[in-house]
Amino acid sequence: MKIALIGYGKMGKAIEEIAVQRGHEIVAKIDATGSLESLADQQVDVAIEFTRPDAAVQNILFCIEKGIPVVVGTTAWNHEFPRVKAAVETKNGAMLYASNFSVGVNIFFEINRRLAQLMNPHTEYTVNIEEIHHLQKLDAPSGTAVSIANDILGNSSSLKQWKLGEESAPEVQSDELAITSFRQPDVPGTHVVSYRSEVDTIEIRHEAHSRKGFALGAVIAAEFLNGKKGIFTMSDVLKITHK
């Protein structure tokens, strides 16, 4: 498979290493100073996009316009999802997007959804989310934390919205879900969901040890998307059916 990397930072380099190990060819590496137009004259089976929120949508739309299936790992652009969806449908294109490509994180998402369903009747518990990332992480909360929060909200009869709280003491209303974000050196990504009551605490946790898990998931996603049409997520890749 011929892969174009849109975004060639630490994640792009990790994806390159995994892709080559799995027998794929990297035909383009576009960094912050590069031009997408260089893809127009190349044979590209799939593009993998890891850039910045302010660049992601234009990168996605370019790929769709040129008929290049695109795997999108950039987060914090979903307010423009309807525009992107319309473009995919109009051009009969292909896109796979995720807030996190780690296989472990996507299994964690499913555990989180099920736990939220089980805990919904038990109003004596207060639920909180904590996420920790490296200092270069641009968005807060992380896209993964937002996905976790939205899955909890979707299975709660009392919580209506999430709120980014302060590190010391998140102040939230009774119908709000607190997300606390920490930025520390050399942390690939940690997410913790805690349900606390007066008598006990229930906690689920995912801790990434390196970027390799994200990179592997992105390459697996590209392998899945190759030859397909439509919009997909990691649930499609991993055959996870939500109950």
Protein backbone atom coordinates (compact mmCIF):
# COMPACT_ATOMS: atom_id res chain seq x y z
CA MET A 1 0.00 0.00 0.00
CA LYS A 2 1.25 3.49 -0.89
CA ILE A 3 0.78 5.87 2.04
CA ALA A 4 1.10 9.66 2.20
CA LEU A 5 1.83 11.21 5.59
CA ILE A 6 0.23 14.60 6.09
CA GLY A 7 2.02 15.82 9.18
CA TYR A 8 5.53 14.58 9.81
CA GLY A 9 6.16 15.29 13.45
CA LYS A 10 6.74 12.71 16.16
CA MET A 11 3.52 10.89 15.34
CA GLY A 12 4.19 10.94 11.61
CA LYS A 13 7.62 9.45 12.13
CA ALA A 14 6.21 6.74 14.42
CA ILE A 15 3.58 5.89 11.79
CA GLU A 16 6.27 5.72 9.11
CA GLU A 17 8.28 3.21 11.13
CA ILE A 18 5.27 0.95 11.74
CA ALA A 19 4.01 1.22 8.15
CA VAL A 20 7.38 0.23 6.67
CA GLN A 21 7.62 -2.70 9.11
CA ARG A 22 4.23 -3.89 7.83
CA GLY A 23 5.39 -3.79 4.22
CA HIS A 24 3.92 -0.47 3.08
CA GLU A 25 5.60 2.31 1.10
CA ILE A 26 5.66 5.93 2.25
CA VAL A 27 5.34 7.95 -0.97
CA ALA A 28 5.03 11.43 0.58
CA LYS A 29 5.93 13.16 3.83
CA ILE A 30 4.34 16.58 4.16
CA ASP A 31 5.49 18.64 7.10
CA ALA A 32 4.40 22.13 8.17
CA THR A 33 6.27 23.74 5.28
CA GLY A 34 5.18 21.23 2.63
CA SER A 35 2.41 21.52 0.06
CA LEU A 36 -0.51 19.17 -0.43
CA GLU A 37 -0.34 19.84 -4.16
CA SER A 38 2.62 17.48 -4.33
CA LEU A 39 0.14 14.62 -3.81
CA ALA A 40 -1.81 15.44 -6.95
CA ASP A 41 0.66 13.75 -9.30
CA GLN A 42 1.36 10.70 -7.14
CA GLN A 43 -0.33 7.36 -6.73
CA VAL A 44 -1.57 7.36 -3.13
CA ASP A 45 -3.72 4.55 -1.74
CA VAL A 46 -4.35 6.21 1.63
CA ALA A 47 -3.28 9.43 3.35
CA ILE A 48 -2.80 9.57 7.12
CA GLU A 49 -3.39 13.05 8.56
CA PHE A 50 -1.93 14.10 11.94
CA THR A 51 -1.54 17.88 11.99
CA ARG A 52 -3.26 20.75 13.81
CA PRO A 53 -6.95 21.52 14.33
CA ASP A 54 -6.68 24.70 12.25
CA ALA A 55 -5.26 22.78 9.27
CA ALA A 56 -7.09 19.46 9.47
CA VAL A 57 -10.31 20.35 7.66
CA GLN A 58 -8.59 21.80 4.61
CA ASN A 59 -6.29 18.78 4.49
CA ILE A 60 -9.27 16.42 4.66
CA LEU A 61 -11.20 18.31 1.99
CA PHE A 62 -8.16 18.31 -0.30
CA CYS A 63 -7.84 14.53 -0.04
CA ILE A 64 -11.53 14.01 -0.69
CA GLU A 65 -11.42 16.33 -3.70
CA LYS A 66 -8.47 14.38 -5.14
CA GLY A 67 -10.06 11.00 -4.46
CA ILE A 68 -7.53 10.02 -1.79
CA PRO A 69 -8.93 8.02 1.16
CA VAL A 70 -7.85 9.74 4.35
CA VAL A 71 -7.30 8.55 7.92
CA VAL A 72 -7.63 11.50 10.31
CA GLY A 73 -5.96 11.56 13.71
CA THR A 74 -6.13 15.30 14.37
CA THR A 75 -8.72 16.24 16.98
CA ALA A 76 -10.70 19.39 17.92
CA TRP A 77 -12.09 19.99 14.40
CA ASN A 78 -15.40 18.14 14.80
CA HIS A 79 -17.47 21.33 14.81
CA GLU A 80 -16.90 21.20 11.05
CA PHE A 81 -17.84 17.55 10.70
CA PRO A 82 -21.09 18.28 8.79
CA ARG A 83 -19.07 20.08 6.11
CA VAL A 84 -16.62 17.22 5.82
CA LYS A 85 -19.39 14.61 5.79
CA ALA A 86 -21.15 16.44 2.96
CA ALA A 87 -17.92 16.49 0.94
CA VAL A 88 -17.36 12.75 1.43
CA GLU A 89 -20.92 12.02 0.32
CA THR A 90 -20.78 14.36 -2.68
CA LYS A 91 -17.45 13.01 -3.94
CA ASN A 92 -18.13 9.38 -2.95
CA GLY A 93 -14.97 9.58 -0.90
CA ALA A 94 -13.53 7.70 2.05
CA MET A 95 -12.54 8.90 5.51
CA LEU A 96 -11.81 7.21 8.79
CA TYR A 97 -11.50 9.40 11.85
CA ALA A 98 -10.87 8.76 15.53
CA SER A 99 -10.01 10.71 18.64
CA ASN A 100 -7.54 7.93 19.40
CA PHE A 101 -6.28 5.08 17.20
CA SER A 102 -4.88 2.90 19.97
CA VAL A 103 -6.52 -0.52 19.97
CA GLY A 104 -6.35 -0.50 23.77
CA VAL A 105 -8.03 2.90 24.03
CA ASN A 106 -10.88 1.81 21.76
CA ILE A 107 -11.44 -1.24 23.94
CA PHE A 108 -11.32 1.17 26.90
CA PHE A 109 -14.04 3.26 25.20
CA GLU A 110 -16.30 0.20 25.11
CA ILE A 111 -15.62 -0.64 28.76
CA ASN A 112 -16.35 2.98 29.67
CA ARG A 113 -19.71 2.90 27.84
CA ARG A 114 -20.73 -0.31 29.59
CA LEU A 115 -19.63 0.97 33.00
CA ALA A 116 -21.63 4.17 32.46
CA GLN A 117 -24.73 2.10 31.73
CA LEU A 118 -24.25 0.06 34.89
CA MET A 119 -23.59 3.13 37.08
CA ASN A 120 -26.46 5.27 35.78
CA PRO A 121 -28.99 4.13 38.45
CA HIS A 122 -26.48 4.63 41.27
CA THR A 123 -26.73 8.35 41.95
CA GLU A 124 -24.64 8.10 45.12
CA TYR A 125 -21.53 8.00 42.89
CA THR A 126 -19.87 11.06 41.36
CA VAL A 127 -17.98 10.47 38.12
CA ASN A 128 -14.85 12.36 37.07
CA ILE A 129 -12.35 12.14 34.20
CA GLU A 130 -8.64 12.91 34.42
CA GLU A 131 -6.29 13.06 31.46
CA ILE A 132 -2.52 13.55 31.42
CA HIS A 133 -0.46 14.35 28.32
CA HIS A 134 2.91 15.70 27.28
CA LEU A 135 3.64 19.43 27.35
CA GLN A 136 3.33 19.77 23.56
CA LYS A 137 -0.31 18.65 23.57
CA LEU A 138 -2.22 21.58 22.06
CA ASP A 139 -5.83 20.89 23.02
CA ALA A 140 -7.32 20.50 26.49
CA PRO A 141 -9.16 18.40 27.26
CA SER A 142 -7.82 15.81 24.88
CA GLY A 143 -10.01 14.51 22.10
CA THR A 144 -9.90 11.12 23.80
CA ALA A 145 -11.19 12.62 27.06
CA VAL A 146 -14.02 14.32 25.17
CA SER A 147 -14.96 11.00 23.56
CA ILE A 148 -14.95 9.35 26.98
CA ALA A 149 -17.09 12.15 28.39
CA ASN A 150 -19.60 12.06 25.56
CA ASP A 151 -20.04 8.31 25.99
CA ILE A 152 -20.73 8.80 29.71
CA LEU A 153 -23.20 11.62 28.98
CA GLY A 154 -24.94 9.46 26.40
CA ASN A 155 -25.59 6.82 29.05
CA SER A 156 -26.52 9.14 31.93
CA SER A 157 -29.98 10.37 32.85
CA SER A 158 -28.64 13.12 35.14
CA LEU A 159 -25.49 14.54 33.48
CA LYS A 160 -26.06 17.03 30.65
CA GLN A 161 -22.60 18.35 29.70
CA TRP A 162 -18.91 18.09 30.49
CA LYS A 163 -16.81 20.92 31.91
CA LEU A 164 -13.06 21.45 31.97
CA GLY A 165 -12.17 21.94 35.62
CA GLU A 166 -9.19 23.32 37.46
CA GLU A 167 -6.39 20.95 38.45
CA SER A 168 -6.78 21.73 42.14
CA ALA A 169 -10.54 21.38 42.53
CA PRO A 170 -12.89 21.12 39.56
CA GLU A 171 -16.04 23.11 40.33
CA VAL A 172 -19.02 21.65 38.53
CA GLN A 173 -22.79 21.73 38.82
CA SER A 174 -24.77 18.61 39.64
CA ASP A 175 -25.55 18.04 35.97
CA GLU A 176 -21.94 18.55 34.78
CA LEU A 177 -19.14 16.03 34.30
CA ALA A 178 -15.70 17.29 35.35
CA ILE A 179 -12.68 16.71 33.11
CA THR A 180 -9.32 17.65 34.60
CA SER A 181 -6.34 18.05 32.26
CA PHE A 182 -2.70 17.82 33.34
CA ARG A 183 0.35 18.54 31.17
CA GLN A 184 3.62 16.89 32.21
CA PRO A 185 6.90 16.06 30.48
CA ASP A 186 7.11 12.90 28.37
CA VAL A 187 3.60 11.50 28.98
CA PRO A 188 2.16 9.90 25.81
CA GLY A 189 -1.34 9.81 27.27
CA THR A 190 -3.19 8.64 30.38
CA HIS A 191 -6.97 8.65 30.92
CA VAL A 192 -8.75 7.77 34.15
CA VAL A 193 -12.50 7.52 34.83
CA SER A 194 -13.45 7.41 38.51
CA TYR A 195 -16.79 6.82 40.22
CA ARG A 196 -16.58 7.84 43.88
CA SER A 197 -19.04 7.47 46.74
CA GLU A 198 -18.72 7.69 50.51
CA VAL A 199 -18.00 3.99 50.74
CA ASP A 200 -15.83 3.15 47.73
CA THR A 201 -14.30 4.11 44.39
CA ILE A 202 -14.57 2.36 41.05
CA GLU A 203 -11.85 3.30 38.56
CA ILE A 204 -10.84 2.37 35.02
CA ARG A 205 -7.56 3.56 33.57
CA HIS A 206 -5.68 3.48 30.29
CA GLU A 207 -2.01 4.46 30.23
CA ALA A 208 -0.07 4.62 26.98
CA HIS A 209 3.59 3.66 27.32
CA SER A 210 4.65 5.13 23.98
CA ARG A 211 3.27 6.50 20.71
CA LYS A 212 3.67 3.10 19.05
CA GLY A 213 0.15 2.02 20.00
CA PHE A 214 -1.35 5.11 18.33
CA ALA A 215 0.85 4.65 15.27
CA LEU A 216 0.01 0.97 14.89
CA GLY A 217 -3.70 1.72 15.16
CA ALA A 218 -3.43 4.42 12.49
CA VAL A 219 -1.72 2.03 10.08
CA ILE A 220 -4.29 -0.69 10.79
CA ALA A 221 -6.98 1.91 10.10
CA ALA A 222 -5.33 2.77 6.77
CA GLU A 223 -5.24 -0.91 5.83
CA PHE A 224 -8.95 -1.14 6.63
CA LEU A 225 -9.89 2.00 4.67
CA ASN A 226 -8.00 1.08 1.49
CA GLY A 227 -10.55 0.33 -1.25
CA LYS A 228 -13.60 1.43 0.75
CA LYS A 229 -16.07 4.31 0.36
CA GLY A 230 -17.83 6.18 3.15
CA ILE A 231 -17.10 7.38 6.67
CA PHE A 232 -15.73 5.00 9.27
CA THR A 233 -14.37 4.95 12.82
CA MET A 234 -12.20 2.59 14.84
CA SER A 235 -15.35 0.78 15.95
CA ASP A 236 -15.69 -0.38 12.35
CA VAL A 237 -12.05 -1.45 12.23
CA LEU A 238 -12.29 -3.43 15.46
CA LYS A 239 -15.84 -4.70 14.79
CA ILE A 240 -17.13 -3.20 18.04
CA THR A 241 -20.92 -3.10 18.15
CA HIS A 242 -22.33 -0.64 20.68
CA LYS A 243 -25.15 -1.95 22.83
